Amino acid sequence: MKKTVGFLAFASVQILLVVMHIHKRSLFVRELYQEQRTNSATHDVELKKQKLAAQLYVCKNPEAIKEFATHQLSMKPIALTQIKTVESV
């Protein structure tokens, strides 16, 4: 009887340790997955930031502005005859 109780106690402790080890590993894997998702999101944000910075650079480029104005808006350079002067009284 004592051997049976001792064996059952030993077996239940071993089963408990195995379950705790599996639980610990599952938590570890879950955290690794979360870290991977966070790193992926960070990488995506960095790429988007670089693309937006490149677009801003293009938008601030005077040559790009001039090309946009002449080709898409059909604007023409201003001639000196079109400039009116303002005289102060």
N, C-alpha and C. Protein backbone atom coordinates (compact mmCIF):
# COMPACT_ATOMS: atom_id res chain seq x y z
N MET A 1 0.82 -1.19 0.00
CA MET A 1 0.00 0.00 0.00
C MET A 1 0.87 1.26 0.00
N LYS A 2 1.90 1.30 0.86
CA LYS A 2 2.77 2.46 0.90
C LYS A 2 3.53 2.61 -0.41
N LYS A 3 3.91 1.46 -1.03
CA LYS A 3 4.62 1.54 -2.30
C LYS A 3 3.70 2.11 -3.39
N THR A 4 2.47 1.73 -3.37
CA THR A 4 1.51 2.20 -4.37
C THR A 4 1.29 3.70 -4.21
N VAL A 5 1.12 4.15 -2.98
CA VAL A 5 0.92 5.58 -2.72
C VAL A 5 2.17 6.36 -3.11
N GLY A 6 3.34 5.84 -2.76
CA GLY A 6 4.60 6.50 -3.12
C GLY A 6 4.77 6.56 -4.63
N PHE A 7 4.46 5.46 -5.32
CA PHE A 7 4.58 5.43 -6.78
C PHE A 7 3.60 6.41 -7.42
N LEU A 8 2.38 6.47 -6.92
CA LEU A 8 1.39 7.40 -7.47
C LEU A 8 1.81 8.86 -7.24
N ALA A 9 2.36 9.14 -6.07
CA ALA A 9 2.84 10.49 -5.78
C ALA A 9 3.99 10.85 -6.72
N PHE A 10 4.94 9.91 -6.89
CA PHE A 10 6.07 10.14 -7.78
C PHE A 10 5.60 10.35 -9.22
N ALA A 11 4.69 9.51 -9.69
CA ALA A 11 4.19 9.61 -11.06
C ALA A 11 3.42 10.91 -11.26
N SER A 12 2.62 11.30 -10.29
CA SER A 12 1.85 12.55 -10.44
C SER A 12 2.78 13.77 -10.43
N VAL A 13 3.84 13.73 -9.62
CA VAL A 13 4.81 14.83 -9.62
C VAL A 13 5.51 14.90 -10.98
N GLN A 14 5.88 13.75 -11.54
CA GLN A 14 6.54 13.72 -12.84
C GLN A 14 5.60 14.24 -13.94
N ILE A 15 4.36 13.85 -13.89
CA ILE A 15 3.38 14.34 -14.88
C ILE A 15 3.20 15.85 -14.74
N LEU A 16 3.14 16.33 -13.50
CA LEU A 16 3.01 17.76 -13.25
C LEU A 16 4.22 18.51 -13.80
N LEU A 17 5.42 17.97 -13.60
CA LEU A 17 6.62 18.61 -14.13
C LEU A 17 6.62 18.65 -15.65
N VAL A 18 6.17 17.59 -16.28
CA VAL A 18 6.10 17.55 -17.74
C VAL A 18 5.09 18.58 -18.23
N VAL A 19 3.95 18.67 -17.60
CA VAL A 19 2.93 19.65 -17.99
C VAL A 19 3.45 21.07 -17.81
N MET A 20 4.14 21.32 -16.71
CA MET A 20 4.71 22.66 -16.48
C MET A 20 5.77 22.99 -17.52
N HIS A 21 6.59 22.00 -17.89
CA HIS A 21 7.61 22.21 -18.91
C HIS A 21 6.97 22.52 -20.27
N ILE A 22 5.92 21.81 -20.63
CA ILE A 22 5.22 22.07 -21.89
C ILE A 22 4.59 23.46 -21.87
N HIS A 23 4.02 23.83 -20.74
CA HIS A 23 3.41 25.16 -20.61
C HIS A 23 4.47 26.25 -20.77
N LYS A 24 5.62 26.06 -20.14
CA LYS A 24 6.70 27.03 -20.23
C LYS A 24 7.17 27.17 -21.68
N ARG A 25 7.32 26.07 -22.38
CA ARG A 25 7.76 26.10 -23.77
C ARG A 25 6.71 26.79 -24.66
N SER A 26 5.44 26.55 -24.39
CA SER A 26 4.40 27.19 -25.19
C SER A 26 4.39 28.70 -24.97
N LEU A 27 4.62 29.14 -23.72
CA LEU A 27 4.73 30.58 -23.46
C LEU A 27 5.94 31.18 -24.18
N PHE A 28 7.04 30.46 -24.18
CA PHE A 28 8.25 30.91 -24.85
C PHE A 28 8.02 31.05 -26.35
N VAL A 29 7.38 30.08 -26.95
CA VAL A 29 7.08 30.14 -28.38
C VAL A 29 6.13 31.28 -28.68
N ARG A 30 5.15 31.49 -27.83
CA ARG A 30 4.20 32.59 -28.02
C ARG A 30 4.92 33.94 -28.00
N GLU A 31 5.85 34.11 -27.05
CA GLU A 31 6.60 35.36 -26.97
C GLU A 31 7.52 35.55 -28.18
N LEU A 32 8.13 34.48 -28.66
CA LEU A 32 8.96 34.58 -29.85
C LEU A 32 8.13 34.98 -31.06
N TYR A 33 6.93 34.42 -31.17
CA TYR A 33 6.04 34.78 -32.28
C TYR A 33 5.65 36.25 -32.19
N GLN A 34 5.33 36.71 -30.99
CA GLN A 34 4.95 38.11 -30.80
C GLN A 34 6.12 39.03 -31.15
N GLU A 35 7.32 38.65 -30.75
CA GLU A 35 8.51 39.44 -31.07
C GLU A 35 8.73 39.49 -32.58
N GLN A 36 8.54 38.38 -33.25
CA GLN A 36 8.70 38.33 -34.70
C GLN A 36 7.68 39.23 -35.39
N ARG A 37 6.44 39.21 -34.93
CA ARG A 37 5.40 40.08 -35.51
C ARG A 37 5.76 41.56 -35.29
N THR A 38 6.26 41.87 -34.10
CA THR A 38 6.62 43.25 -33.79
C THR A 38 7.79 43.70 -34.67
N ASN A 39 8.78 42.83 -34.84
CA ASN A 39 9.91 43.18 -35.70
C ASN A 39 9.47 43.36 -37.15
N SER A 40 8.56 42.54 -37.59
CA SER A 40 8.05 42.66 -38.96
C SER A 40 7.30 43.98 -39.13
N ALA A 41 6.49 44.33 -38.16
CA ALA A 41 5.75 45.59 -38.23
C ALA A 41 6.71 46.78 -38.20
N THR A 42 7.75 46.70 -37.39
CA THR A 42 8.75 47.76 -37.33
C THR A 42 9.45 47.91 -38.67
N HIS A 43 9.78 46.79 -39.28
CA HIS A 43 10.44 46.82 -40.59
C HIS A 43 9.53 47.45 -41.64
N ASP A 44 8.25 47.11 -41.61
CA ASP A 44 7.29 47.68 -42.56
C ASP A 44 7.17 49.19 -42.37
N VAL A 45 7.16 49.63 -41.12
CA VAL A 45 7.06 51.07 -40.84
C VAL A 45 8.32 51.79 -41.33
N GLU A 46 9.48 51.18 -41.14
CA GLU A 46 10.72 51.79 -41.61
C GLU A 46 10.72 51.93 -43.14
N LEU A 47 10.25 50.90 -43.84
CA LEU A 47 10.17 50.98 -45.30
C LEU A 47 9.22 52.08 -45.75
N LYS A 48 8.07 52.18 -45.08
CA LYS A 48 7.11 53.21 -45.42
C LYS A 48 7.69 54.60 -45.15
N LYS A 49 8.43 54.73 -44.07
CA LYS A 49 9.06 56.01 -43.73
C LYS A 49 10.08 56.40 -44.80
N GLN A 50 10.87 55.44 -45.28
CA GLN A 50 11.85 55.72 -46.33
C GLN A 50 11.17 56.13 -47.64
N LYS A 51 10.07 55.44 -47.99
CA LYS A 51 9.34 55.79 -49.20
C LYS A 51 8.75 57.20 -49.11
N LEU A 52 8.19 57.54 -47.94
CA LEU A 52 7.61 58.87 -47.76
C LEU A 52 8.69 59.95 -47.79
N ALA A 53 9.86 59.65 -47.22
CA ALA A 53 10.96 60.61 -47.26
C ALA A 53 11.42 60.84 -48.70
N ALA A 54 11.46 59.77 -49.50
CA ALA A 54 11.84 59.91 -50.91
C ALA A 54 10.80 60.72 -51.66
N GLN A 55 9.52 60.49 -51.40
CA GLN A 55 8.46 61.27 -52.05
C GLN A 55 8.54 62.74 -51.66
N LEU A 56 8.85 63.01 -50.39
CA LEU A 56 8.98 64.40 -49.93
C LEU A 56 10.15 65.07 -50.64
N TYR A 57 11.24 64.36 -50.79
CA TYR A 57 12.39 64.92 -51.48
C TYR A 57 12.04 65.27 -52.92
N VAL A 58 11.31 64.40 -53.59
CA VAL A 58 10.90 64.66 -54.97
C VAL A 58 9.96 65.87 -55.02
N CYS A 59 9.05 65.96 -54.06
CA CYS A 59 8.10 67.08 -54.06
C CYS A 59 8.79 68.42 -53.79
N LYS A 60 9.86 68.41 -53.04
CA LYS A 60 10.56 69.65 -52.72
C LYS A 60 11.59 70.03 -53.79
N ASN A 61 11.85 69.16 -54.72
CA ASN A 61 12.83 69.41 -55.77
C ASN A 61 12.28 70.47 -56.74
N PRO A 62 12.98 71.60 -56.93
CA PRO A 62 12.48 72.66 -57.81
C PRO A 62 12.30 72.20 -59.26
N GLU A 63 13.16 71.32 -59.73
CA GLU A 63 13.02 70.83 -61.10
C GLU A 63 11.74 70.01 -61.26
N ALA A 64 11.41 69.22 -60.26
CA ALA A 64 10.19 68.41 -60.31
C ALA A 64 8.96 69.31 -60.28
N ILE A 65 9.02 70.37 -59.50
CA ILE A 65 7.90 71.32 -59.43
C ILE A 65 7.71 72.01 -60.78
N LYS A 66 8.83 72.42 -61.38
CA LYS A 66 8.75 73.09 -62.68
C LYS A 66 8.19 72.14 -63.75
N GLU A 67 8.66 70.90 -63.75
CA GLU A 67 8.17 69.92 -64.72
C GLU A 67 6.68 69.64 -64.52
N PHE A 68 6.24 69.54 -63.27
CA PHE A 68 4.82 69.32 -62.98
C PHE A 68 4.00 70.50 -63.48
N ALA A 69 4.47 71.71 -63.24
CA ALA A 69 3.73 72.90 -63.65
C ALA A 69 3.63 73.01 -65.16
N THR A 70 4.72 72.72 -65.85
CA THR A 70 4.69 72.89 -67.31
C THR A 70 3.96 71.76 -68.02
N HIS A 71 4.11 70.54 -67.57
CA HIS A 71 3.52 69.41 -68.29
C HIS A 71 2.08 69.09 -67.85
N GLN A 72 1.86 69.01 -66.58
CA GLN A 72 0.53 68.59 -66.12
C GLN A 72 -0.44 69.75 -65.97
N LEU A 73 0.06 70.92 -65.61
CA LEU A 73 -0.83 72.07 -65.44
C LEU A 73 -0.82 72.99 -66.66
N SER A 74 0.01 72.67 -67.63
CA SER A 74 0.12 73.46 -68.88
C SER A 74 0.43 74.91 -68.61
N MET A 75 1.29 75.16 -67.67
CA MET A 75 1.70 76.53 -67.38
C MET A 75 2.90 76.87 -68.26
N LYS A 76 3.04 78.15 -68.57
CA LYS A 76 4.15 78.62 -69.39
C LYS A 76 4.96 79.61 -68.58
N PRO A 77 6.23 79.74 -68.93
CA PRO A 77 7.04 80.73 -68.21
C PRO A 77 6.48 82.13 -68.37
N ILE A 78 6.69 82.97 -67.41
CA ILE A 78 6.18 84.34 -67.43
C ILE A 78 7.15 85.19 -68.25
N ALA A 79 6.62 85.93 -69.18
CA ALA A 79 7.43 86.87 -69.96
C ALA A 79 7.51 88.19 -69.21
N LEU A 80 8.54 88.97 -69.52
CA LEU A 80 8.71 90.24 -68.83
C LEU A 80 7.59 91.21 -69.15
N THR A 81 6.98 91.06 -70.30
CA THR A 81 5.88 91.96 -70.67
C THR A 81 4.63 91.70 -69.86
N GLN A 82 4.53 90.55 -69.26
CA GLN A 82 3.35 90.21 -68.46
C GLN A 82 3.44 90.75 -67.03
N ILE A 83 4.60 91.20 -66.61
CA ILE A 83 4.79 91.70 -65.25
C ILE A 83 4.41 93.16 -65.20
N LYS A 84 3.54 93.50 -64.30
CA LYS A 84 3.12 94.89 -64.14
C LYS A 84 3.81 95.45 -62.89
N THR A 85 4.18 96.65 -62.97
CA THR A 85 4.84 97.29 -61.83
C THR A 85 3.82 98.08 -61.03
N VAL A 86 4.09 98.21 -59.80
CA VAL A 86 3.22 98.96 -58.91
C VAL A 86 4.00 100.19 -58.46
N GLU A 87 3.41 101.33 -58.66
CA GLU A 87 4.08 102.56 -58.26
C GLU A 87 3.46 103.05 -56.97
N SER A 88 4.31 103.48 -56.10
CA SER A 88 3.79 104.02 -54.85
C SER A 88 3.50 105.48 -55.02
N VAL A 89 2.52 105.99 -54.34
CA VAL A 89 2.09 107.36 -54.47
C VAL A 89 2.72 108.20 -53.42
